[in-house]
Amino acid sequence: MLKMDLEYQKGILFIRLDGNLNRKNSYKINNYLVPVITKHKIKYVIYNLDKLKSIDESGIDALLNTKCKVRKNKGKIFLCKVNNDISWKLKRLRIKILSSEKTIYKICEV
């Protein structure tokens, strides 16, 4: 099961994931979240993975799909609070990983 807590603040979409991001539920990102990012031309997305327990290839592909849409909007995507169990799986995404939402928020402020 995957829970997504979404918050939009000053042009930045915060996405806090809780649970497992896998083949069974990566559609939540691809079918619901990515169209919102495209429709509203959201430029900054911050994924907080503090409570993410596991991720598989489908989950990684969903994050990559988000990255592609954000880049089309000339924006940036960030990850924060990535636990050691999954951090090695996310290296190939080439998404900047920082320690906290607050740190990233300061970078994104315009």
PDB file of N, CA and C in Angstrom:
ATOM      1  N   MET A   1       0.833  -1.185   0.000  1.00  0.00           N
ATOM      2  CA  MET A   1       0.000   0.000   0.000  1.00  0.00           C
ATOM      3  C   MET A   1       0.880   1.251   0.000  1.00  0.00           C
ATOM      4  N   LEU A   2       0.438   2.272  -0.685  1.00  0.00           N
ATOM      5  CA  LEU A   2       1.169   3.528  -0.766  1.00  0.00           C
ATOM      6  C   LEU A   2       0.233   4.683  -0.437  1.00  0.00           C
ATOM      7  N   LYS A   3       0.669   5.526   0.471  1.00  0.00           N
ATOM      8  CA  LYS A   3      -0.069   6.743   0.788  1.00  0.00           C
ATOM      9  C   LYS A   3       0.737   7.924   0.279  1.00  0.00           C
ATOM     10  N   MET A   4       0.035   8.889  -0.316  1.00  0.00           N
ATOM     11  CA  MET A   4       0.685  10.103  -0.793  1.00  0.00           C
ATOM     12  C   MET A   4       0.068  11.294  -0.091  1.00  0.00           C
ATOM     13  N   ASP A   5       0.919  12.090   0.535  1.00  0.00           N
ATOM     14  CA  ASP A   5       0.478  13.330   1.159  1.00  0.00           C
ATOM     15  C   ASP A   5       1.005  14.454   0.275  1.00  0.00           C
ATOM     16  N   LEU A   6       0.099  15.216  -0.323  1.00  0.00           N
ATOM     17  CA  LEU A   6       0.487  16.280  -1.251  1.00  0.00           C
ATOM     18  C   LEU A   6       0.246  17.637  -0.617  1.00  0.00           C
ATOM     19  N   GLU A   7       1.187  18.535  -0.862  1.00  0.00           N
ATOM     20  CA  GLU A   7       1.041  19.910  -0.389  1.00  0.00           C
ATOM     21  C   GLU A   7       1.653  20.817  -1.445  1.00  0.00           C
ATOM     22  N   TYR A   8       0.909  21.843  -1.835  1.00  0.00           N
ATOM     23  CA  TYR A   8       1.402  22.800  -2.824  1.00  0.00           C
ATOM     24  C   TYR A   8       1.574  24.136  -2.138  1.00  0.00           C
ATOM     25  N   GLN A   9       2.792  24.656  -2.183  1.00  0.00           N
ATOM     26  CA  GLN A   9       3.100  25.878  -1.455  1.00  0.00           C
ATOM     27  C   GLN A   9       4.067  26.731  -2.258  1.00  0.00           C
ATOM     28  N   LYS A  10       3.663  27.928  -2.600  1.00  0.00           N
ATOM     29  CA  LYS A  10       4.508  28.890  -3.299  1.00  0.00           C
ATOM     30  C   LYS A  10       5.206  28.289  -4.525  1.00  0.00           C
ATOM     31  N   GLY A  11       4.440  27.585  -5.354  1.00  0.00           N
ATOM     32  CA  GLY A  11       4.973  27.048  -6.590  1.00  0.00           C
ATOM     33  C   GLY A  11       5.745  25.745  -6.453  1.00  0.00           C
ATOM     34  N   ILE A  12       5.741  25.160  -5.269  1.00  0.00           N
ATOM     35  CA  ILE A  12       6.476  23.918  -5.029  1.00  0.00           C
ATOM     36  C   ILE A  12       5.485  22.838  -4.600  1.00  0.00           C
ATOM     37  N   LEU A  13       5.548  21.671  -5.264  1.00  0.00           N
ATOM     38  CA  LEU A  13       4.702  20.549  -4.900  1.00  0.00           C
ATOM     39  C   LEU A  13       5.500  19.603  -4.006  1.00  0.00           C
ATOM     40  N   PHE A  14       5.048  19.447  -2.781  1.00  0.00           N
ATOM     41  CA  PHE A  14       5.657  18.523  -1.830  1.00  0.00           C
ATOM     42  C   PHE A  14       4.883  17.214  -1.890  1.00  0.00           C
ATOM     43  N   ILE A  15       5.601  16.119  -2.088  1.00  0.00           N
ATOM     44  CA  ILE A  15       4.974  14.805  -2.152  1.00  0.00           C
ATOM     45  C   ILE A  15       5.643  13.926  -1.108  1.00  0.00           C
ATOM     46  N   ARG A  16       4.875  13.539  -0.108  1.00  0.00           N
ATOM     47  CA  ARG A  16       5.413  12.687   0.958  1.00  0.00           C
ATOM     48  C   ARG A  16       4.843  11.287   0.767  1.00  0.00           C
ATOM     49  N   LEU A  17       5.739  10.331   0.525  1.00  0.00           N
ATOM     50  CA  LEU A  17       5.314   8.957   0.264  1.00  0.00           C
ATOM     51  C   LEU A  17       5.458   8.110   1.518  1.00  0.00           C
ATOM     52  N   ASP A  18       4.474   7.257   1.752  1.00  0.00           N
ATOM     53  CA  ASP A  18       4.469   6.372   2.912  1.00  0.00           C
ATOM     54  C   ASP A  18       4.043   4.982   2.453  1.00  0.00           C
ATOM     55  N   GLY A  19       4.909   4.010   2.600  1.00  0.00           N
ATOM     56  CA  GLY A  19       4.582   2.637   2.215  1.00  0.00           C
ATOM     57  C   GLY A  19       5.559   2.085   1.209  1.00  0.00           C
ATOM     58  N   ASN A  20       5.036   1.321   0.255  1.00  0.00           N
ATOM     59  CA  ASN A  20       5.850   0.678  -0.769  1.00  0.00           C
ATOM     60  C   ASN A  20       5.475   1.228  -2.143  1.00  0.00           C
ATOM     61  N   LEU A  21       6.472   1.666  -2.882  1.00  0.00           N
ATOM     62  CA  LEU A  21       6.244   2.151  -4.246  1.00  0.00           C
ATOM     63  C   LEU A  21       6.662   1.034  -5.186  1.00  0.00           C
ATOM     64  N   ASN A  22       5.661   0.325  -5.712  1.00  0.00           N
ATOM     65  CA  ASN A  22       5.958  -0.833  -6.548  1.00  0.00           C
ATOM     66  C   ASN A  22       4.985  -0.916  -7.721  1.00  0.00           C
ATOM     67  N   ARG A  23       5.059  -2.029  -8.439  1.00  0.00           N
ATOM     68  CA  ARG A  23       4.248  -2.226  -9.633  1.00  0.00           C
ATOM     69  C   ARG A  23       2.758  -2.099  -9.350  1.00  0.00           C
ATOM     70  N   LYS A  24       2.325  -2.518  -8.176  1.00  0.00           N
ATOM     71  CA  LYS A  24       0.904  -2.492  -7.829  1.00  0.00           C
ATOM     72  C   LYS A  24       0.356  -1.081  -7.640  1.00  0.00           C
ATOM     73  N   ASN A  25       1.213  -0.115  -7.271  1.00  0.00           N
ATOM     74  CA  ASN A  25       0.678   1.214  -6.987  1.00  0.00           C
ATOM     75  C   ASN A  25       1.436   2.374  -7.629  1.00  0.00           C
ATOM     76  N   SER A  26       2.395   2.097  -8.488  1.00  0.00           N
ATOM     77  CA  SER A  26       3.098   3.195  -9.167  1.00  0.00           C
ATOM     78  C   SER A  26       2.169   3.950 -10.123  1.00  0.00           C
ATOM     79  N   TYR A  27       1.030   3.314 -10.474  1.00  0.00           N
ATOM     80  CA  TYR A  27       0.042   3.995 -11.314  1.00  0.00           C
ATOM     81  C   TYR A  27      -0.475   5.275 -10.648  1.00  0.00           C
ATOM     82  N   LYS A  28      -0.441   5.326  -9.309  1.00  0.00           N
ATOM     83  CA  LYS A  28      -0.912   6.519  -8.606  1.00  0.00           C
ATOM     84  C   LYS A  28      -0.095   7.744  -9.007  1.00  0.00           C
ATOM     85  N   ILE A  29       1.187   7.536  -9.203  1.00  0.00           N
ATOM     86  CA  ILE A  29       2.043   8.646  -9.638  1.00  0.00           C
ATOM     87  C   ILE A  29       1.841   8.904 -11.117  1.00  0.00           C
ATOM     88  N   ASN A  30       1.899   7.847 -11.920  1.00  0.00           N
ATOM     89  CA  ASN A  30       1.810   8.004 -13.379  1.00  0.00           C
ATOM     90  C   ASN A  30       0.448   8.505 -13.851  1.00  0.00           C
ATOM     91  N   ASN A  31      -0.631   8.037 -13.254  1.00  0.00           N
ATOM     92  CA  ASN A  31      -1.973   8.373 -13.745  1.00  0.00           C
ATOM     93  C   ASN A  31      -2.619   9.572 -13.075  1.00  0.00           C
ATOM     94  N   TYR A  32      -2.191   9.902 -11.870  1.00  0.00           N
ATOM     95  CA  TYR A  32      -2.836  11.000 -11.143  1.00  0.00           C
ATOM     96  C   TYR A  32      -1.909  12.189 -10.933  1.00  0.00           C
ATOM     97  N   LEU A  33      -0.694  11.915 -10.520  1.00  0.00           N
ATOM     98  CA  LEU A  33       0.224  12.991 -10.162  1.00  0.00           C
ATOM     99  C   LEU A  33       0.867  13.656 -11.384  1.00  0.00           C
ATOM    100  N   VAL A  34       1.367  12.860 -12.308  1.00  0.00           N
ATOM    101  CA  VAL A  34       2.041  13.410 -13.496  1.00  0.00           C
ATOM    102  C   VAL A  34       1.110  14.300 -14.326  1.00  0.00           C
ATOM    103  N   PRO A  35      -0.148  13.913 -14.570  1.00  0.00           N
ATOM    104  CA  PRO A  35      -1.050  14.821 -15.304  1.00  0.00           C
ATOM    105  C   PRO A  35      -1.267  16.160 -14.591  1.00  0.00           C
ATOM    106  N   VAL A  36      -1.308  16.143 -13.261  1.00  0.00           N
ATOM    107  CA  VAL A  36      -1.464  17.395 -12.499  1.00  0.00           C
ATOM    108  C   VAL A  36      -0.239  18.285 -12.714  1.00  0.00           C
ATOM    109  N   ILE A  37       0.943  17.679 -12.667  1.00  0.00           N
ATOM    110  CA  ILE A  37       2.184  18.431 -12.880  1.00  0.00           C
ATOM    111  C   ILE A  37       2.197  19.040 -14.281  1.00  0.00           C
ATOM    112  N   THR A  38       1.756  18.272 -15.260  1.00  0.00           N
ATOM    113  CA  THR A  38       1.717  18.748 -16.639  1.00  0.00           C
ATOM    114  C   THR A  38       0.676  19.853 -16.815  1.00  0.00           C
ATOM    115  N   LYS A  39      -0.530  19.618 -16.323  1.00  0.00           N
ATOM    116  CA  LYS A  39      -1.631  20.564 -16.500  1.00  0.00           C
ATOM    117  C   LYS A  39      -1.333  21.923 -15.862  1.00  0.00           C
ATOM    118  N   HIS A  40      -0.782  21.906 -14.658  1.00  0.00           N
ATOM    119  CA  HIS A  40      -0.552  23.150 -13.919  1.00  0.00           C
ATOM    120  C   HIS A  40       0.865  23.700 -14.088  1.00  0.00           C
ATOM    121  N   LYS A  41       1.633  23.034 -14.955  1.00  0.00           N
ATOM    122  CA  LYS A  41       3.006  23.477 -15.260  1.00  0.00           C
ATOM    123  C   LYS A  41       3.831  23.695 -13.984  1.00  0.00           C
ATOM    124  N   ILE A  42       3.760  22.727 -13.099  1.00  0.00           N
ATOM    125  CA  ILE A  42       4.501  22.792 -11.838  1.00  0.00           C
ATOM    126  C   ILE A  42       5.987  22.634 -12.134  1.00  0.00           C
ATOM    127  N   LYS A  43       6.781  23.556 -11.618  1.00  0.00           N
ATOM    128  CA  LYS A  43       8.212  23.582 -11.908  1.00  0.00           C
ATOM    129  C   LYS A  43       9.072  22.903 -10.847  1.00  0.00           C
ATOM    130  N   TYR A  44       8.599  22.881  -9.618  1.00  0.00           N
ATOM    131  CA  TYR A  44       9.409  22.312  -8.540  1.00  0.00           C
ATOM    132  C   TYR A  44       8.638  21.220  -7.812  1.00  0.00           C
ATOM    133  N   VAL A  45       9.266  20.051  -7.714  1.00  0.00           N
ATOM    134  CA  VAL A  45       8.669  18.918  -7.023  1.00  0.00           C
ATOM    135  C   VAL A  45       9.680  18.386  -6.014  1.00  0.00           C
ATOM    136  N   ILE A  46       9.208  18.177  -4.797  1.00  0.00           N
ATOM    137  CA  ILE A  46      10.049  17.619  -3.746  1.00  0.00           C
ATOM    138  C   ILE A  46       9.389  16.333  -3.250  1.00  0.00           C
ATOM    139  N   TYR A  47      10.088  15.224  -3.441  1.00  0.00           N
ATOM    140  CA  TYR A  47       9.634  13.942  -2.910  1.00  0.00           C
ATOM    141  C   TYR A  47      10.301  13.721  -1.560  1.00  0.00           C
ATOM    142  N   ASN A  48       9.505  13.552  -0.522  1.00  0.00           N
ATOM    143  CA  ASN A  48      10.016  13.201   0.796  1.00  0.00           C
ATOM    144  C   ASN A  48       9.812  11.693   0.948  1.00  0.00           C
ATOM    145  N   LEU A  49      10.926  10.951   1.034  1.00  0.00           N
ATOM    146  CA  LEU A  49      10.861   9.490   1.068  1.00  0.00           C
ATOM    147  C   LEU A  49      11.147   8.935   2.457  1.00  0.00           C
ATOM    148  N   ASP A  50      10.945   9.748   3.470  1.00  0.00           N
ATOM    149  CA  ASP A  50      11.234   9.356   4.848  1.00  0.00           C
ATOM    150  C   ASP A  50      10.511   8.075   5.255  1.00  0.00           C
ATOM    151  N   LYS A  51       9.264   7.922   4.844  1.00  0.00           N
ATOM    152  CA  LYS A  51       8.464   6.767   5.262  1.00  0.00           C
ATOM    153  C   LYS A  51       8.309   5.721   4.158  1.00  0.00           C
ATOM    154  N   LEU A  52       9.078   5.876   3.079  1.00  0.00           N
ATOM    155  CA  LEU A  52       9.028   4.895   1.997  1.00  0.00           C
ATOM    156  C   LEU A  52       9.803   3.656   2.428  1.00  0.00           C
ATOM    157  N   LYS A  53       9.133   2.523   2.427  1.00  0.00           N
ATOM    158  CA  LYS A  53       9.753   1.290   2.921  1.00  0.00           C
ATOM    159  C   LYS A  53      10.513   0.538   1.840  1.00  0.00           C
ATOM    160  N   SER A  54       9.974   0.534   0.619  1.00  0.00           N
ATOM    161  CA  SER A  54      10.652  -0.155  -0.479  1.00  0.00           C
ATOM    162  C   SER A  54      10.233   0.442  -1.812  1.00  0.00           C
ATOM    163  N   ILE A  55      11.048   0.175  -2.819  1.00  0.00           N
ATOM    164  CA  ILE A  55      10.770   0.658  -4.175  1.00  0.00           C
ATOM    165  C   ILE A  55      11.286  -0.386  -5.155  1.00  0.00           C
ATOM    166  N   ASP A  56      10.534  -0.628  -6.231  1.00  0.00           N
ATOM    167  CA  ASP A  56      11.000  -1.549  -7.264  1.00  0.00           C
ATOM    168  C   ASP A  56      11.183  -0.778  -8.578  1.00  0.00           C
ATOM    169  N   GLU A  57      11.453  -1.490  -9.651  1.00  0.00           N
ATOM    170  CA  GLU A  57      11.711  -0.844 -10.951  1.00  0.00           C
ATOM    171  C   GLU A  57      10.532   0.003 -11.419  1.00  0.00           C
ATOM    172  N   SER A  58       9.321  -0.450 -11.187  1.00  0.00           N
ATOM    173  CA  SER A  58       8.143   0.325 -11.591  1.00  0.00           C
ATOM    174  C   SER A  58       8.066   1.640 -10.819  1.00  0.00           C
ATOM    175  N   GLY A  59       8.412   1.584  -9.545  1.00  0.00           N
ATOM    176  CA  GLY A  59       8.431   2.797  -8.730  1.00  0.00           C
ATOM    177  C   GLY A  59       9.500   3.763  -9.191  1.00  0.00           C
ATOM    178  N   ILE A  60      10.661   3.226  -9.519  1.00  0.00           N
ATOM    179  CA  ILE A  60      11.755   4.062 -10.027  1.00  0.00           C
ATOM    180  C   ILE A  60      11.346   4.701 -11.351  1.00  0.00           C
ATOM    181  N   ASP A  61      10.687   3.921 -12.203  1.00  0.00           N
ATOM    182  CA  ASP A  61      10.207   4.459 -13.483  1.00  0.00           C
ATOM    183  C   ASP A  61       9.172   5.577 -13.268  1.00  0.00           C
ATOM    184  N   ALA A  62       8.333   5.437 -12.249  1.00  0.00           N
ATOM    185  CA  ALA A  62       7.339   6.474 -11.950  1.00  0.00           C
ATOM    186  C   ALA A  62       8.040   7.771 -11.526  1.00  0.00           C
ATOM    187  N   LEU A  63       9.086   7.664 -10.710  1.00  0.00           N
ATOM    188  CA  LEU A  63       9.852   8.852 -10.312  1.00  0.00           C
ATOM    189  C   LEU A  63      10.549   9.466 -11.523  1.00  0.00           C
ATOM    190  N   LEU A  64      11.060   8.612 -12.400  1.00  0.00           N
ATOM    191  CA  LEU A  64      11.715   9.089 -13.617  1.00  0.00           C
ATOM    192  C   LEU A  64      10.719   9.799 -14.525  1.00  0.00           C
ATOM    193  N   ASN A  65       9.513   9.284 -14.606  1.00  0.00           N
ATOM    194  CA  ASN A  65       8.449   9.914 -15.390  1.00  0.00           C
ATOM    195  C   ASN A  65       8.138  11.309 -14.847  1.00  0.00           C
ATOM    196  N   THR A  66       8.079  11.422 -13.518  1.00  0.00           N
ATOM    197  CA  THR A  66       7.866  12.728 -12.886  1.00  0.00           C
ATOM    198  C   THR A  66       8.994  13.679 -13.244  1.00  0.00           C
ATOM    199  N   LYS A  67      10.212  13.177 -13.174  1.00  0.00           N
ATOM    200  CA  LYS A  67      11.397  13.995 -13.490  1.00  0.00           C
ATOM    201  C   LYS A  67      11.298  14.547 -14.912  1.00  0.00           C
ATOM    202  N   CYS A  68      10.912  13.705 -15.851  1.00  0.00           N
ATOM    203  CA  CYS A  68      10.808  14.137 -17.254  1.00  0.00           C
ATOM    204  C   CYS A  68       9.763  15.237 -17.424  1.00  0.00           C
ATOM    205  N   LYS A  69       8.618  15.103 -16.767  1.00  0.00           N
ATOM    206  CA  LYS A  69       7.560  16.113 -16.883  1.00  0.00           C
ATOM    207  C   LYS A  69       7.978  17.432 -16.254  1.00  0.00           C
ATOM    208  N   VAL A  70       8.649  17.370 -15.114  1.00  0.00           N
ATOM    209  CA  VAL A  70       9.108  18.586 -14.441  1.00  0.00           C
ATOM    210  C   VAL A  70      10.159  19.296 -15.295  1.00  0.00           C
ATOM    211  N   ARG A  71      11.038  18.537 -15.908  1.00  0.00           N
ATOM    212  CA  ARG A  71      12.069  19.130 -16.758  1.00  0.00           C
ATOM    213  C   ARG A  71      11.461  19.784 -17.996  1.00  0.00           C
ATOM    214  N   LYS A  72      10.363  19.225 -18.508  1.00  0.00           N
ATOM    215  CA  LYS A  72       9.670  19.861 -19.639  1.00  0.00           C
ATOM    216  C   LYS A  72       9.109  21.218 -19.241  1.00  0.00           C
ATOM    217  N   ASN A  73       8.794  21.366 -17.957  1.00  0.00           N
ATOM    218  CA  ASN A  73       8.303  22.649 -17.432  1.00  0.00           C
ATOM    219  C   ASN A  73       9.455  23.564 -17.034  1.00  0.00           C
ATOM    220  N   LYS A  74      10.676  23.169 -17.408  1.00  0.00           N
ATOM    221  CA  LYS A  74      11.894  23.917 -17.067  1.00  0.00           C
ATOM    222  C   LYS A  74      12.066  24.050 -15.551  1.00  0.00           C
ATOM    223  N   GLY A  75      11.759  22.972 -14.853  1.00  0.00           N
ATOM    224  CA  GLY A  75      11.848  22.962 -13.403  1.00  0.00           C
ATOM    225  C   GLY A  75      12.851  21.950 -12.887  1.00  0.00           C
ATOM    226  N   LYS A  76      12.767  21.693 -11.586  1.00  0.00           N
ATOM    227  CA  LYS A  76      13.688  20.767 -10.932  1.00  0.00           C
ATOM    228  C   LYS A  76      12.919  19.864  -9.987  1.00  0.00           C
ATOM    229  N   ILE A  77      13.467  18.675  -9.805  1.00  0.00           N
ATOM    230  CA  ILE A  77      12.900  17.701  -8.886  1.00  0.00           C
ATOM    231  C   ILE A  77      13.972  17.347  -7.867  1.00  0.00           C
ATOM    232  N   PHE A  78      13.543  17.157  -6.630  1.00  0.00           N
ATOM    233  CA  PHE A  78      14.469  16.827  -5.551  1.00  0.00           C
ATOM    234  C   PHE A  78      13.914  15.676  -4.728  1.00  0.00           C
ATOM    235  N   LEU A  79      14.821  14.954  -4.081  1.00  0.00           N
ATOM    236  CA  LEU A  79      14.448  13.922  -3.126  1.00  0.00           C
ATOM    237  C   LEU A  79      15.018  14.325  -1.777  1.00  0.00           C
ATOM    238  N   CYS A  80      14.312  13.993  -0.721  1.00  0.00           N
ATOM    239  CA  CYS A  80      14.865  14.238   0.611  1.00  0.00           C
ATOM    240  C   CYS A  80      14.493  13.101   1.542  1.00  0.00           C
ATOM    241  N   LYS A  81      15.241  13.011   2.620  1.00  0.00           N
ATOM    242  CA  LYS A  81      15.051  11.998   3.655  1.00  0.00           C
ATOM    243  C   LYS A  81      14.972  10.594   3.074  1.00  0.00           C
ATOM    244  N   VAL A  82      15.926  10.266   2.215  1.00  0.00           N
ATOM    245  CA  VAL A  82      15.984   8.949   1.594  1.00  0.00           C
ATOM    246  C   VAL A  82      16.712   8.007   2.548  1.00  0.00           C
ATOM    247  N   ASN A  83      16.074   6.903   2.897  1.00  0.00           N
ATOM    248  CA  ASN A  83      16.741   5.976   3.813  1.00  0.00           C
ATOM    249  C   ASN A  83      17.769   5.126   3.068  1.00  0.00           C
ATOM    250  N   ASN A  84      18.704   4.597   3.801  1.00  0.00           N
ATOM    251  CA  ASN A  84      19.830   3.855   3.215  1.00  0.00           C
ATOM    252  C   ASN A  84      19.391   2.613   2.455  1.00  0.00           C
ATOM    253  N   ASP A  85      18.286   2.004   2.854  1.00  0.00           N
ATOM    254  CA  ASP A  85      17.825   0.780   2.200  1.00  0.00           C
ATOM    255  C   ASP A  85      17.453   0.995   0.740  1.00  0.00           C
ATOM    256  N   ILE A  86      16.992   2.191   0.415  1.00  0.00           N
ATOM    257  CA  ILE A  86      16.578   2.438  -0.977  1.00  0.00           C
ATOM    258  C   ILE A  86      17.468   3.431  -1.714  1.00  0.00           C
ATOM    259  N   SER A  87      18.356   4.113  -1.023  1.00  0.00           N
ATOM    260  CA  SER A  87      19.154   5.166  -1.677  1.00  0.00           C
ATOM    261  C   SER A  87      19.988   4.629  -2.838  1.00  0.00           C
ATOM    262  N   TRP A  88      20.541   3.431  -2.685  1.00  0.00           N
ATOM    263  CA  TRP A  88      21.368   2.876  -3.758  1.00  0.00           C
ATOM    264  C   TRP A  88      20.542   2.592  -5.018  1.00  0.00           C
ATOM    265  N   LYS A  89      19.262   2.297  -4.860  1.00  0.00           N
ATOM    266  CA  LYS A  89      18.402   2.047  -6.020  1.00  0.00           C
ATOM    267  C   LYS A  89      18.106   3.323  -6.798  1.00  0.00           C
ATOM    268  N   LEU A  90      18.184   4.465  -6.127  1.00  0.00           N
ATOM    269  CA  LEU A  90      17.807   5.740  -6.736  1.00  0.00           C
ATOM    270  C   LEU A  90      18.973   6.471  -7.389  1.00  0.00           C
ATOM    271  N   LYS A  91      20.179   5.953  -7.265  1.00  0.00           N
ATOM    272  CA  LYS A  91      21.363   6.632  -7.810  1.00  0.00           C
ATOM    273  C   LYS A  91      21.247   6.869  -9.314  1.00  0.00           C
ATOM    274  N   ARG A  92      20.709   5.905 -10.033  1.00  0.00           N
ATOM    275  CA  ARG A  92      20.650   6.027 -11.500  1.00  0.00           C
ATOM    276  C   ARG A  92      19.685   7.104 -11.983  1.00  0.00           C
ATOM    277  N   LEU A  93      18.809   7.585 -11.095  1.00  0.00           N
ATOM    278  CA  LEU A  93      17.858   8.629 -11.476  1.00  0.00           C
ATOM    279  C   LEU A  93      18.529   9.983 -11.669  1.00  0.00           C
ATOM    280  N   ARG A  94      19.676  10.155 -11.037  1.00  0.00           N
ATOM    281  CA  ARG A  94      20.400  11.434 -11.085  1.00  0.00           C
ATOM    282  C   ARG A  94      19.518  12.595 -10.639  1.00  0.00           C
ATOM    283  N   ILE A  95      18.852  12.372  -9.523  1.00  0.00           N
ATOM    284  CA  ILE A  95      18.046  13.417  -8.904  1.00  0.00           C
ATOM    285  C   ILE A  95      18.773  13.829  -7.633  1.00  0.00           C
ATOM    286  N   LYS A  96      18.874  15.115  -7.433  1.00  0.00           N
ATOM    287  CA  LYS A  96      19.587  15.633  -6.265  1.00  0.00           C
ATOM    288  C   LYS A  96      18.877  15.195  -4.978  1.00  0.00           C
ATOM    289  N   ILE A  97      19.659  14.627  -4.063  1.00  0.00           N
ATOM    290  CA  ILE A  97      19.133  14.180  -2.776  1.00  0.00           C
ATOM    291  C   ILE A  97      19.688  15.093  -1.693  1.00  0.00           C
ATOM    292  N   LEU A  98      18.784  15.716  -0.948  1.00  0.00           N
ATOM    293  CA  LEU A  98      19.195  16.594   0.149  1.00  0.00           C
ATOM    294  C   LEU A  98      18.569  16.112   1.455  1.00  0.00           C
ATOM    295  N   SER A  99      19.011  16.695   2.541  1.00  0.00           N
ATOM    296  CA  SER A  99      18.632  16.186   3.860  1.00  0.00           C
ATOM    297  C   SER A  99      17.193  16.495   4.273  1.00  0.00           C
ATOM    298  N   SER A 100      16.659  17.649   3.882  1.00  0.00           N
ATOM    299  CA  SER A 100      15.325  17.999   4.370  1.00  0.00           C
ATOM    300  C   SER A 100      14.553  18.847   3.363  1.00  0.00           C
ATOM    301  N   GLU A 101      13.248  18.904   3.559  1.00  0.00           N
ATOM    302  CA  GLU A 101      12.390  19.742   2.713  1.00  0.00           C
ATOM    303  C   GLU A 101      12.773  21.213   2.869  1.00  0.00           C
ATOM    304  N   LYS A 102      13.124  21.589   4.066  1.00  0.00           N
ATOM    305  CA  LYS A 102      13.471  22.986   4.343  1.00  0.00           C
ATOM    306  C   LYS A 102      14.684  23.432   3.524  1.00  0.00           C
ATOM    307  N   THR A 103      15.700  22.570   3.443  1.00  0.00           N
ATOM    308  CA  THR A 103      16.901  22.859   2.664  1.00  0.00           C
ATOM    309  C   THR A 103      16.542  23.072   1.195  1.00  0.00           C
ATOM    310  N   ILE A 104      15.716  22.183   0.664  1.00  0.00           N
ATOM    311  CA  ILE A 104      15.329  22.268  -0.740  1.00  0.00           C
ATOM    312  C   ILE A 104      14.436  23.488  -0.979  1.00  0.00           C
ATOM    313  N   TYR A 105      13.556  23.761  -0.042  1.00  0.00           N
ATOM    314  CA  TYR A 105      12.654  24.898  -0.153  1.00  0.00           C
ATOM    315  C   TYR A 105      13.428  26.192  -0.338  1.00  0.00           C
ATOM    316  N   LYS A 106      14.528  26.333   0.388  1.00  0.00           N
ATOM    317  CA  LYS A 106      15.376  27.532   0.269  1.00  0.00           C
ATOM    318  C   LYS A 106      15.992  27.630  -1.120  1.00  0.00           C
ATOM    319  N   ILE A 107      16.348  26.504  -1.706  1.00  0.00           N
ATOM    320  CA  ILE A 107      16.933  26.484  -3.055  1.00  0.00           C
ATOM    321  C   ILE A 107      15.896  26.909  -4.087  1.00  0.00           C
ATOM    322  N   CYS A 108      14.656  26.475  -3.915  1.00  0.00           N
ATOM    323  CA  CYS A 108      13.593  26.718  -4.892  1.00  0.00           C
ATOM    324  C   CYS A 108      12.982  28.100  -4.795  1.00  0.00           C
ATOM    325  N   GLU A 109      13.128  28.765  -3.666  1.00  0.00           N
ATOM    326  CA  GLU A 109      12.484  30.072  -3.486  1.00  0.00           C
ATOM    327  C   GLU A 109      12.952  31.058  -4.544  1.00  0.00           C
ATOM    328  N   VAL A 110      11.983  31.758  -5.099  1.00  0.00           N
ATOM    329  CA  VAL A 110      12.298  32.761  -6.124  1.00  0.00           C
ATOM    330  C   VAL A 110      11.987  34.145  -5.627  1.00  0.00           C
TER     331      VAL A 110
END
